Amino acid sequence: MIRCMLGKIMWERKLTNAEVADMAGVSRNTISSLVNEKNQRIDYPTLDRLCKALNITVCELIQYFPEE
């Protein structure tokens, strides 16, 4: 299973959806969907903006967990 770790990262850094949206230049709806893992996909520009804004790698943002 592929999981977006944005919610965890935001929780650890005590950031709100609005703060991350402003930092990354993406919509609040996009942030909310990623945090709640409601997205079916994420485009490269969004990944790039989030990684730059949060100073993280794609591997930290998107992780793979094998299903049992």
PDB file of N, CA and C in Angstrom:
ATOM      1  N   MET A   1       0.852  -1.164   0.000  1.00  0.00           N
ATOM      2  CA  MET A   1       0.000   0.000   0.000  1.00  0.00           C
ATOM      3  C   MET A   1       0.907   1.238   0.000  1.00  0.00           C
ATOM      4  N   ILE A   2       0.570   2.175  -0.830  1.00  0.00           N
ATOM      5  CA  ILE A   2       1.303   3.438  -0.887  1.00  0.00           C
ATOM      6  C   ILE A   2       0.551   4.452  -0.034  1.00  0.00           C
ATOM      7  N   ARG A   3       1.285   5.133   0.844  1.00  0.00           N
ATOM      8  CA  ARG A   3       0.657   6.082   1.769  1.00  0.00           C
ATOM      9  C   ARG A   3       1.323   7.442   1.670  1.00  0.00           C
ATOM     10  N   CYS A   4       0.529   8.471   1.796  1.00  0.00           N
ATOM     11  CA  CYS A   4       1.037   9.834   1.853  1.00  0.00           C
ATOM     12  C   CYS A   4       1.233  10.184   3.328  1.00  0.00           C
ATOM     13  N   MET A   5       2.433  10.619   3.647  1.00  0.00           N
ATOM     14  CA  MET A   5       2.788  10.886   5.037  1.00  0.00           C
ATOM     15  C   MET A   5       2.641  12.367   5.406  1.00  0.00           C
ATOM     16  N   LEU A   6       1.961  13.132   4.568  1.00  0.00           N
ATOM     17  CA  LEU A   6       1.836  14.568   4.803  1.00  0.00           C
ATOM     18  C   LEU A   6       1.193  14.873   6.153  1.00  0.00           C
ATOM     19  N   GLY A   7       0.139  14.178   6.501  1.00  0.00           N
ATOM     20  CA  GLY A   7      -0.521  14.415   7.784  1.00  0.00           C
ATOM     21  C   GLY A   7       0.418  14.213   8.966  1.00  0.00           C
ATOM     22  N   LYS A   8       1.208  13.158   8.908  1.00  0.00           N
ATOM     23  CA  LYS A   8       2.174  12.873   9.978  1.00  0.00           C
ATOM     24  C   LYS A   8       3.234  13.960  10.054  1.00  0.00           C
ATOM     25  N   ILE A   9       3.744  14.362   8.903  1.00  0.00           N
ATOM     26  CA  ILE A   9       4.762  15.411   8.857  1.00  0.00           C
ATOM     27  C   ILE A   9       4.201  16.723   9.417  1.00  0.00           C
ATOM     28  N   MET A  10       2.987  17.047   9.029  1.00  0.00           N
ATOM     29  CA  MET A  10       2.357  18.277   9.516  1.00  0.00           C
ATOM     30  C   MET A  10       2.134  18.204  11.023  1.00  0.00           C
ATOM     31  N   TRP A  11       1.701  17.045  11.513  1.00  0.00           N
ATOM     32  CA  TRP A  11       1.459  16.880  12.948  1.00  0.00           C
ATOM     33  C   TRP A  11       2.756  17.060  13.728  1.00  0.00           C
ATOM     34  N   GLU A  12       3.827  16.442  13.234  1.00  0.00           N
ATOM     35  CA  GLU A  12       5.126  16.555  13.908  1.00  0.00           C
ATOM     36  C   GLU A  12       5.630  17.997  13.959  1.00  0.00           C
ATOM     37  N   ARG A  13       5.324  18.755  12.912  1.00  0.00           N
ATOM     38  CA  ARG A  13       5.803  20.136  12.827  1.00  0.00           C
ATOM     39  C   ARG A  13       4.768  21.153  13.303  1.00  0.00           C
ATOM     40  N   LYS A  14       3.619  20.648  13.722  1.00  0.00           N
ATOM     41  CA  LYS A  14       2.526  21.495  14.205  1.00  0.00           C
ATOM     42  C   LYS A  14       2.103  22.529  13.159  1.00  0.00           C
ATOM     43  N   LEU A  15       1.894  22.053  11.931  1.00  0.00           N
ATOM     44  CA  LEU A  15       1.474  22.908  10.828  1.00  0.00           C
ATOM     45  C   LEU A  15       0.012  22.640  10.496  1.00  0.00           C
ATOM     46  N   THR A  16      -0.686  23.677  10.085  1.00  0.00           N
ATOM     47  CA  THR A  16      -2.078  23.527   9.661  1.00  0.00           C
ATOM     48  C   THR A  16      -2.143  23.347   8.148  1.00  0.00           C
ATOM     49  N   ASN A  17      -3.301  22.909   7.669  1.00  0.00           N
ATOM     50  CA  ASN A  17      -3.518  22.787   6.230  1.00  0.00           C
ATOM     51  C   ASN A  17      -3.281  24.124   5.543  1.00  0.00           C
ATOM     52  N   ALA A  18      -3.799  25.194   6.133  1.00  0.00           N
ATOM     53  CA  ALA A  18      -3.660  26.520   5.541  1.00  0.00           C
ATOM     54  C   ALA A  18      -2.201  26.950   5.459  1.00  0.00           C
ATOM     55  N   GLU A  19      -1.438  26.661   6.490  1.00  0.00           N
ATOM     56  CA  GLU A  19      -0.020  27.032   6.492  1.00  0.00           C
ATOM     57  C   GLU A  19       0.741  26.299   5.395  1.00  0.00           C
ATOM     58  N   VAL A  20       0.498  25.007   5.266  1.00  0.00           N
ATOM     59  CA  VAL A  20       1.199  24.224   4.245  1.00  0.00           C
ATOM     60  C   VAL A  20       0.751  24.658   2.846  1.00  0.00           C
ATOM     61  N   ALA A  21      -0.528  24.917   2.679  1.00  0.00           N
ATOM     62  CA  ALA A  21      -1.029  25.386   1.383  1.00  0.00           C
ATOM     63  C   ALA A  21      -0.348  26.689   0.988  1.00  0.00           C
ATOM     64  N   ASP A  22      -0.229  27.610   1.918  1.00  0.00           N
ATOM     65  CA  ASP A  22       0.440  28.882   1.642  1.00  0.00           C
ATOM     66  C   ASP A  22       1.925  28.690   1.371  1.00  0.00           C
ATOM     67  N   MET A  23       2.581  27.851   2.142  1.00  0.00           N
ATOM     68  CA  MET A  23       4.014  27.596   1.968  1.00  0.00           C
ATOM     69  C   MET A  23       4.315  26.978   0.603  1.00  0.00           C
ATOM     70  N   ALA A  24       3.480  26.031   0.193  1.00  0.00           N
ATOM     71  CA  ALA A  24       3.734  25.268  -1.027  1.00  0.00           C
ATOM     72  C   ALA A  24       3.078  25.863  -2.269  1.00  0.00           C
ATOM     73  N   GLY A  25       2.139  26.766  -2.073  1.00  0.00           N
ATOM     74  CA  GLY A  25       1.450  27.350  -3.217  1.00  0.00           C
ATOM     75  C   GLY A  25       0.484  26.389  -3.889  1.00  0.00           C
ATOM     76  N   VAL A  26      -0.140  25.540  -3.088  1.00  0.00           N
ATOM     77  CA  VAL A  26      -1.173  24.638  -3.594  1.00  0.00           C
ATOM     78  C   VAL A  26      -2.468  24.900  -2.827  1.00  0.00           C
ATOM     79  N   SER A  27      -3.568  24.412  -3.353  1.00  0.00           N
ATOM     80  CA  SER A  27      -4.854  24.705  -2.723  1.00  0.00           C
ATOM     81  C   SER A  27      -5.018  23.971  -1.396  1.00  0.00           C
ATOM     82  N   ARG A  28      -5.832  24.533  -0.550  1.00  0.00           N
ATOM     83  CA  ARG A  28      -6.139  23.899   0.740  1.00  0.00           C
ATOM     84  C   ARG A  28      -6.865  22.583   0.528  1.00  0.00           C
ATOM     85  N   ASN A  29      -7.691  22.525  -0.520  1.00  0.00           N
ATOM     86  CA  ASN A  29      -8.405  21.279  -0.816  1.00  0.00           C
ATOM     87  C   ASN A  29      -7.428  20.159  -1.155  1.00  0.00           C
ATOM     88  N   THR A  30      -6.373  20.486  -1.890  1.00  0.00           N
ATOM     89  CA  THR A  30      -5.355  19.488  -2.225  1.00  0.00           C
ATOM     90  C   THR A  30      -4.664  18.991  -0.969  1.00  0.00           C
ATOM     91  N   ILE A  31      -4.292  19.912  -0.094  1.00  0.00           N
ATOM     92  CA  ILE A  31      -3.636  19.526   1.160  1.00  0.00           C
ATOM     93  C   ILE A  31      -4.564  18.643   1.979  1.00  0.00           C
ATOM     94  N   SER A  32      -5.813  19.046   2.102  1.00  0.00           N
ATOM     95  CA  SER A  32      -6.793  18.285   2.874  1.00  0.00           C
ATOM     96  C   SER A  32      -6.963  16.873   2.309  1.00  0.00           C
ATOM     97  N   SER A  33      -7.044  16.761   0.992  1.00  0.00           N
ATOM     98  CA  SER A  33      -7.194  15.448   0.358  1.00  0.00           C
ATOM     99  C   SER A  33      -5.985  14.562   0.608  1.00  0.00           C
ATOM    100  N   LEU A  34      -4.797  15.157   0.559  1.00  0.00           N
ATOM    101  CA  LEU A  34      -3.579  14.381   0.801  1.00  0.00           C
ATOM    102  C   LEU A  34      -3.485  13.951   2.266  1.00  0.00           C
ATOM    103  N   VAL A  35      -3.808  14.850   3.173  1.00  0.00           N
ATOM    104  CA  VAL A  35      -3.755  14.529   4.602  1.00  0.00           C
ATOM    105  C   VAL A  35      -4.737  13.406   4.938  1.00  0.00           C
ATOM    106  N   ASN A  36      -5.916  13.457   4.332  1.00  0.00           N
ATOM    107  CA  ASN A  36      -6.948  12.452   4.604  1.00  0.00           C
ATOM    108  C   ASN A  36      -6.857  11.244   3.679  1.00  0.00           C
ATOM    109  N   GLU A  37      -5.821  11.223   2.839  1.00  0.00           N
ATOM    110  CA  GLU A  37      -5.576  10.136   1.895  1.00  0.00           C
ATOM    111  C   GLU A  37      -6.795   9.831   1.031  1.00  0.00           C
ATOM    112  N   LYS A  38      -7.389  10.885   0.503  1.00  0.00           N
ATOM    113  CA  LYS A  38      -8.549  10.758  -0.374  1.00  0.00           C
ATOM    114  C   LYS A  38      -8.158  10.844  -1.848  1.00  0.00           C
ATOM    115  N   ASN A  39      -6.902  11.231  -2.136  1.00  0.00           N
ATOM    116  CA  ASN A  39      -6.439  11.366  -3.514  1.00  0.00           C
ATOM    117  C   ASN A  39      -6.163  10.005  -4.129  1.00  0.00           C
ATOM    118  N   GLN A  40      -6.430   9.894  -5.419  1.00  0.00           N
ATOM    119  CA  GLN A  40      -6.063   8.715  -6.177  1.00  0.00           C
ATOM    120  C   GLN A  40      -4.727   8.918  -6.883  1.00  0.00           C
ATOM    121  N   ARG A  41      -4.306  10.186  -6.995  1.00  0.00           N
ATOM    122  CA  ARG A  41      -3.051  10.505  -7.659  1.00  0.00           C
ATOM    123  C   ARG A  41      -2.534  11.842  -7.132  1.00  0.00           C
ATOM    124  N   ILE A  42      -1.244  12.097  -7.428  1.00  0.00           N
ATOM    125  CA  ILE A  42      -0.649  13.386  -7.106  1.00  0.00           C
ATOM    126  C   ILE A  42       0.293  13.722  -8.258  1.00  0.00           C
ATOM    127  N   ASP A  43       0.228  14.939  -8.754  1.00  0.00           N
ATOM    128  CA  ASP A  43       1.056  15.287  -9.905  1.00  0.00           C
ATOM    129  C   ASP A  43       2.438  15.775  -9.475  1.00  0.00           C
ATOM    130  N   TYR A  44       3.365  15.717 -10.418  1.00  0.00           N
ATOM    131  CA  TYR A  44       4.756  16.065 -10.131  1.00  0.00           C
ATOM    132  C   TYR A  44       4.936  17.499  -9.634  1.00  0.00           C
ATOM    133  N   PRO A  45       4.272  18.493 -10.216  1.00  0.00           N
ATOM    134  CA  PRO A  45       4.447  19.849  -9.685  1.00  0.00           C
ATOM    135  C   PRO A  45       4.012  19.985  -8.224  1.00  0.00           C
ATOM    136  N   THR A  46       2.955  19.291  -7.828  1.00  0.00           N
ATOM    137  CA  THR A  46       2.505  19.329  -6.441  1.00  0.00           C
ATOM    138  C   THR A  46       3.531  18.657  -5.536  1.00  0.00           C
ATOM    139  N   LEU A  47       4.042  17.509  -5.957  1.00  0.00           N
ATOM    140  CA  LEU A  47       5.095  16.843  -5.185  1.00  0.00           C
ATOM    141  C   LEU A  47       6.297  17.763  -5.011  1.00  0.00           C
ATOM    142  N   ASP A  48       6.699  18.386  -6.103  1.00  0.00           N
ATOM    143  CA  ASP A  48       7.849  19.281  -6.080  1.00  0.00           C
ATOM    144  C   ASP A  48       7.637  20.433  -5.106  1.00  0.00           C
ATOM    145  N   ARG A  49       6.485  21.063  -5.165  1.00  0.00           N
ATOM    146  CA  ARG A  49       6.187  22.200  -4.287  1.00  0.00           C
ATOM    147  C   ARG A  49       6.166  21.793  -2.817  1.00  0.00           C
ATOM    148  N   LEU A  50       5.548  20.659  -2.516  1.00  0.00           N
ATOM    149  CA  LEU A  50       5.484  20.193  -1.130  1.00  0.00           C
ATOM    150  C   LEU A  50       6.869  19.846  -0.593  1.00  0.00           C
ATOM    151  N   CYS A  51       7.650  19.157  -1.413  1.00  0.00           N
ATOM    152  CA  CYS A  51       9.001  18.782  -0.971  1.00  0.00           C
ATOM    153  C   CYS A  51       9.869  20.013  -0.727  1.00  0.00           C
ATOM    154  N   LYS A  52       9.786  20.987  -1.618  1.00  0.00           N
ATOM    155  CA  LYS A  52      10.561  22.219  -1.440  1.00  0.00           C
ATOM    156  C   LYS A  52      10.100  22.988  -0.208  1.00  0.00           C
ATOM    157  N   ALA A  53       8.798  23.132  -0.055  1.00  0.00           N
ATOM    158  CA  ALA A  53       8.250  23.928   1.057  1.00  0.00           C
ATOM    159  C   ALA A  53       8.573  23.297   2.410  1.00  0.00           C
ATOM    160  N   LEU A  54       8.533  21.971   2.477  1.00  0.00           N
ATOM    161  CA  LEU A  54       8.743  21.269   3.743  1.00  0.00           C
ATOM    162  C   LEU A  54      10.182  20.782   3.917  1.00  0.00           C
ATOM    163  N   ASN A  55      10.999  20.994   2.880  1.00  0.00           N
ATOM    164  CA  ASN A  55      12.399  20.568   2.899  1.00  0.00           C
ATOM    165  C   ASN A  55      12.512  19.067   3.187  1.00  0.00           C
ATOM    166  N   ILE A  56      11.773  18.285   2.390  1.00  0.00           N
ATOM    167  CA  ILE A  56      11.772  16.829   2.519  1.00  0.00           C
ATOM    168  C   ILE A  56      11.973  16.208   1.141  1.00  0.00           C
ATOM    169  N   THR A  57      12.188  14.906   1.115  1.00  0.00           N
ATOM    170  CA  THR A  57      12.290  14.180  -0.143  1.00  0.00           C
ATOM    171  C   THR A  57      10.953  13.523  -0.470  1.00  0.00           C
ATOM    172  N   VAL A  58      10.835  13.094  -1.712  1.00  0.00           N
ATOM    173  CA  VAL A  58       9.625  12.375  -2.123  1.00  0.00           C
ATOM    174  C   VAL A  58       9.466  11.107  -1.291  1.00  0.00           C
ATOM    175  N   CYS A  59      10.588  10.469  -0.974  1.00  0.00           N
ATOM    176  CA  CYS A  59      10.550   9.225  -0.171  1.00  0.00           C
ATOM    177  C   CYS A  59      10.025   9.461   1.243  1.00  0.00           C
ATOM    178  N   GLU A  60      10.202  10.655   1.751  1.00  0.00           N
ATOM    179  CA  GLU A  60       9.659  10.973   3.071  1.00  0.00           C
ATOM    180  C   GLU A  60       8.165  11.274   2.990  1.00  0.00           C
ATOM    181  N   LEU A  61       7.743  11.830   1.857  1.00  0.00           N
ATOM    182  CA  LEU A  61       6.342  12.215   1.670  1.00  0.00           C
ATOM    183  C   LEU A  61       5.464  11.033   1.271  1.00  0.00           C
ATOM    184  N   ILE A  62       5.972  10.203   0.368  1.00  0.00           N
ATOM    185  CA  ILE A  62       5.209   9.055  -0.135  1.00  0.00           C
ATOM    186  C   ILE A  62       5.968   7.794   0.257  1.00  0.00           C
ATOM    187  N   GLN A  63       5.320   6.891   0.957  1.00  0.00           N
ATOM    188  CA  GLN A  63       5.990   5.672   1.410  1.00  0.00           C
ATOM    189  C   GLN A  63       5.185   4.439   0.994  1.00  0.00           C
ATOM    190  N   TYR A  64       5.921   3.361   0.782  1.00  0.00           N
ATOM    191  CA  TYR A  64       5.332   2.090   0.422  1.00  0.00           C
ATOM    192  C   TYR A  64       5.373   1.137   1.611  1.00  0.00           C
ATOM    193  N   PHE A  65       4.210   0.565   1.912  1.00  0.00           N
ATOM    194  CA  PHE A  65       4.091  -0.429   2.987  1.00  0.00           C
ATOM    195  C   PHE A  65       3.521  -1.703   2.368  1.00  0.00           C
ATOM    196  N   PRO A  66       4.287  -2.789   2.349  1.00  0.00           N
ATOM    197  CA  PRO A  66       3.764  -4.033   1.768  1.00  0.00           C
ATOM    198  C   PRO A  66       2.534  -4.509   2.532  1.00  0.00           C
ATOM    199  N   GLU A  67       1.573  -4.992   1.777  1.00  0.00           N
ATOM    200  CA  GLU A  67       0.380  -5.555   2.416  1.00  0.00           C
ATOM    201  C   GLU A  67       0.675  -6.974   2.868  1.00  0.00           C
ATOM    202  N   GLU A  68       0.066  -7.349   3.944  1.00  0.00           N
ATOM    203  CA  GLU A  68       0.315  -8.694   4.484  1.00  0.00           C
ATOM    204  C   GLU A  68      -0.681  -9.679   3.948  1.00  0.00           C
TER     205      GLU A  68
END
